[in-house]
Amino acid sequence: MSTAELHWFKSSYSDSSNGNDCIEVAPTLTTVHVRDSKKTSGPRLALTREAWADFVTYASQS
């Protein structure tokens, strides 16, 4: 799957007092792609589903 075919949406874990400060995610069968919603053509991360789950667990404890 090319990155042009990804279905992006605001992460339910992205929550701040400023609605513009969020990330978007695009999950696939093997990876979770992550980008800044304000810079959609900027850098992106591609994480394994396990790494994403670990990150969400860590971030929710902060």
N, C-alpha and C. Protein backbone atom coordinates (compact mmCIF):
# COMPACT_ATOMS: atom_id res chain seq x y z
N MET A 1 0.85 -1.18 0.00
CA MET A 1 0.00 0.00 0.00
C MET A 1 0.89 1.24 0.00
N SER A 2 0.65 2.13 -0.94
CA SER A 2 1.41 3.37 -0.96
C SER A 2 0.83 4.34 0.06
N THR A 3 1.63 5.32 0.47
CA THR A 3 1.15 6.28 1.47
C THR A 3 0.01 7.14 0.90
N ALA A 4 -0.10 7.23 -0.42
CA ALA A 4 -1.20 7.99 -1.02
C ALA A 4 -2.54 7.29 -0.79
N GLU A 5 -2.53 6.00 -0.55
CA GLU A 5 -3.75 5.23 -0.36
C GLU A 5 -4.17 5.12 1.11
N LEU A 6 -3.42 5.69 2.01
CA LEU A 6 -3.74 5.58 3.43
C LEU A 6 -4.98 6.39 3.78
N HIS A 7 -5.75 5.89 4.73
CA HIS A 7 -6.94 6.59 5.24
C HIS A 7 -6.56 7.21 6.58
N TRP A 8 -6.36 8.51 6.60
CA TRP A 8 -5.92 9.23 7.80
C TRP A 8 -7.12 9.69 8.63
N PHE A 9 -6.97 9.66 9.95
CA PHE A 9 -7.98 10.23 10.83
C PHE A 9 -7.30 10.69 12.10
N LYS A 10 -7.96 11.61 12.80
CA LYS A 10 -7.42 12.13 14.06
C LYS A 10 -7.41 11.02 15.09
N SER A 11 -6.30 10.86 15.74
CA SER A 11 -6.18 9.83 16.76
C SER A 11 -7.09 10.16 17.94
N SER A 12 -7.77 9.16 18.44
CA SER A 12 -8.61 9.36 19.63
C SER A 12 -7.75 9.64 20.86
N TYR A 13 -6.47 9.35 20.78
CA TYR A 13 -5.55 9.60 21.87
C TYR A 13 -4.96 11.00 21.81
N SER A 14 -5.23 11.73 20.74
CA SER A 14 -4.70 13.07 20.56
C SER A 14 -5.70 14.05 21.15
N ASP A 15 -5.41 14.54 22.32
CA ASP A 15 -6.35 15.40 23.03
C ASP A 15 -5.58 16.53 23.69
N SER A 16 -5.94 17.76 23.36
CA SER A 16 -5.33 18.91 24.02
C SER A 16 -6.36 20.02 24.09
N SER A 17 -6.02 21.11 24.75
CA SER A 17 -6.94 22.23 24.83
C SER A 17 -7.05 22.95 23.49
N ASN A 18 -6.08 22.75 22.60
CA ASN A 18 -6.11 23.34 21.27
C ASN A 18 -6.43 22.25 20.25
N GLY A 19 -7.59 22.32 19.65
CA GLY A 19 -8.02 21.29 18.71
C GLY A 19 -7.13 21.14 17.49
N ASN A 20 -6.25 22.13 17.24
CA ASN A 20 -5.34 22.05 16.10
C ASN A 20 -4.06 21.31 16.44
N ASP A 21 -3.80 21.05 17.71
CA ASP A 21 -2.60 20.33 18.14
C ASP A 21 -2.93 18.86 18.24
N CYS A 22 -2.85 18.17 17.13
CA CYS A 22 -3.18 16.75 17.17
C CYS A 22 -2.36 16.00 16.14
N ILE A 23 -2.43 14.71 16.26
CA ILE A 23 -1.80 13.85 15.27
C ILE A 23 -2.89 13.10 14.54
N GLU A 24 -2.53 12.63 13.38
CA GLU A 24 -3.42 11.77 12.61
C GLU A 24 -2.74 10.43 12.44
N VAL A 25 -3.54 9.39 12.41
CA VAL A 25 -3.00 8.05 12.23
C VAL A 25 -3.70 7.38 11.04
N ALA A 26 -2.97 6.45 10.44
CA ALA A 26 -3.51 5.66 9.33
C ALA A 26 -3.04 4.22 9.55
N PRO A 27 -3.88 3.40 10.15
CA PRO A 27 -3.48 2.02 10.41
C PRO A 27 -3.58 1.14 9.16
N THR A 28 -2.68 0.18 9.07
CA THR A 28 -2.74 -0.86 8.05
C THR A 28 -2.68 -2.19 8.79
N LEU A 29 -2.62 -3.26 8.08
CA LEU A 29 -2.56 -4.57 8.74
C LEU A 29 -1.31 -4.75 9.59
N THR A 30 -0.20 -4.14 9.19
CA THR A 30 1.07 -4.37 9.90
C THR A 30 1.66 -3.13 10.54
N THR A 31 1.21 -1.94 10.16
CA THR A 31 1.82 -0.71 10.68
C THR A 31 0.76 0.32 11.05
N VAL A 32 1.21 1.29 11.84
CA VAL A 32 0.40 2.47 12.13
C VAL A 32 1.23 3.67 11.69
N HIS A 33 0.72 4.42 10.73
CA HIS A 33 1.40 5.61 10.22
C HIS A 33 0.92 6.80 11.03
N VAL A 34 1.84 7.72 11.34
CA VAL A 34 1.53 8.85 12.20
C VAL A 34 2.06 10.12 11.53
N ARG A 35 1.25 11.19 11.56
CA ARG A 35 1.69 12.49 11.02
C ARG A 35 1.07 13.62 11.83
N ASP A 36 1.64 14.81 11.69
CA ASP A 36 1.13 16.03 12.31
C ASP A 36 -0.04 16.53 11.46
N SER A 37 -1.17 16.79 12.09
CA SER A 37 -2.35 17.21 11.33
C SER A 37 -2.18 18.59 10.69
N LYS A 38 -1.26 19.41 11.22
CA LYS A 38 -1.04 20.73 10.65
C LYS A 38 -0.06 20.69 9.47
N LYS A 39 0.73 19.63 9.37
CA LYS A 39 1.74 19.52 8.32
C LYS A 39 1.61 18.15 7.65
N THR A 40 0.50 17.95 6.97
CA THR A 40 0.19 16.64 6.42
C THR A 40 1.19 16.16 5.37
N SER A 41 1.91 17.08 4.75
CA SER A 41 2.93 16.66 3.79
C SER A 41 4.32 16.57 4.42
N GLY A 42 4.39 16.81 5.72
CA GLY A 42 5.67 16.77 6.42
C GLY A 42 6.08 15.35 6.78
N PRO A 43 7.04 15.23 7.70
CA PRO A 43 7.54 13.91 8.10
C PRO A 43 6.44 13.02 8.67
N ARG A 44 6.63 11.74 8.47
CA ARG A 44 5.68 10.74 8.98
C ARG A 44 6.45 9.62 9.62
N LEU A 45 5.81 8.97 10.57
CA LEU A 45 6.38 7.78 11.19
C LEU A 45 5.57 6.57 10.77
N ALA A 46 6.23 5.45 10.65
CA ALA A 46 5.55 4.19 10.41
C ALA A 46 6.00 3.23 11.50
N LEU A 47 5.08 2.89 12.38
CA LEU A 47 5.39 2.07 13.55
C LEU A 47 4.72 0.70 13.43
N THR A 48 5.35 -0.29 14.00
CA THR A 48 4.65 -1.58 14.09
C THR A 48 3.46 -1.38 15.03
N ARG A 49 2.49 -2.25 14.92
CA ARG A 49 1.32 -2.15 15.81
C ARG A 49 1.75 -2.31 17.27
N GLU A 50 2.73 -3.15 17.51
CA GLU A 50 3.22 -3.36 18.87
C GLU A 50 3.89 -2.10 19.41
N ALA A 51 4.70 -1.44 18.59
CA ALA A 51 5.36 -0.20 19.02
C ALA A 51 4.32 0.89 19.30
N TRP A 52 3.29 0.98 18.46
CA TRP A 52 2.23 1.96 18.67
C TRP A 52 1.52 1.68 20.00
N ALA A 53 1.19 0.44 20.25
CA ALA A 53 0.51 0.08 21.51
C ALA A 53 1.38 0.42 22.70
N ASP A 54 2.67 0.16 22.61
CA ASP A 54 3.59 0.51 23.70
C ASP A 54 3.64 2.02 23.91
N PHE A 55 3.69 2.78 22.82
CA PHE A 55 3.72 4.23 22.91
C PHE A 55 2.45 4.76 23.57
N VAL A 56 1.29 4.28 23.14
CA VAL A 56 0.02 4.74 23.70
C VAL A 56 -0.05 4.42 25.19
N THR A 57 0.40 3.25 25.57
CA THR A 57 0.42 2.89 27.00
C THR A 57 1.32 3.83 27.77
N TYR A 58 2.52 4.09 27.25
CA TYR A 58 3.47 5.00 27.91
C TYR A 58 2.90 6.42 28.00
N ALA A 59 2.36 6.92 26.89
CA ALA A 59 1.84 8.29 26.86
C ALA A 59 0.64 8.47 27.79
N SER A 60 -0.17 7.46 27.95
CA SER A 60 -1.34 7.58 28.80
C SER A 60 -0.99 7.59 30.28
N GLN A 61 0.22 7.18 30.62
CA GLN A 61 0.66 7.18 32.01
C GLN A 61 1.32 8.49 32.41
N SER A 62 1.55 9.35 31.45
CA SER A 62 2.24 10.63 31.73
C SER A 62 1.30 11.67 32.26
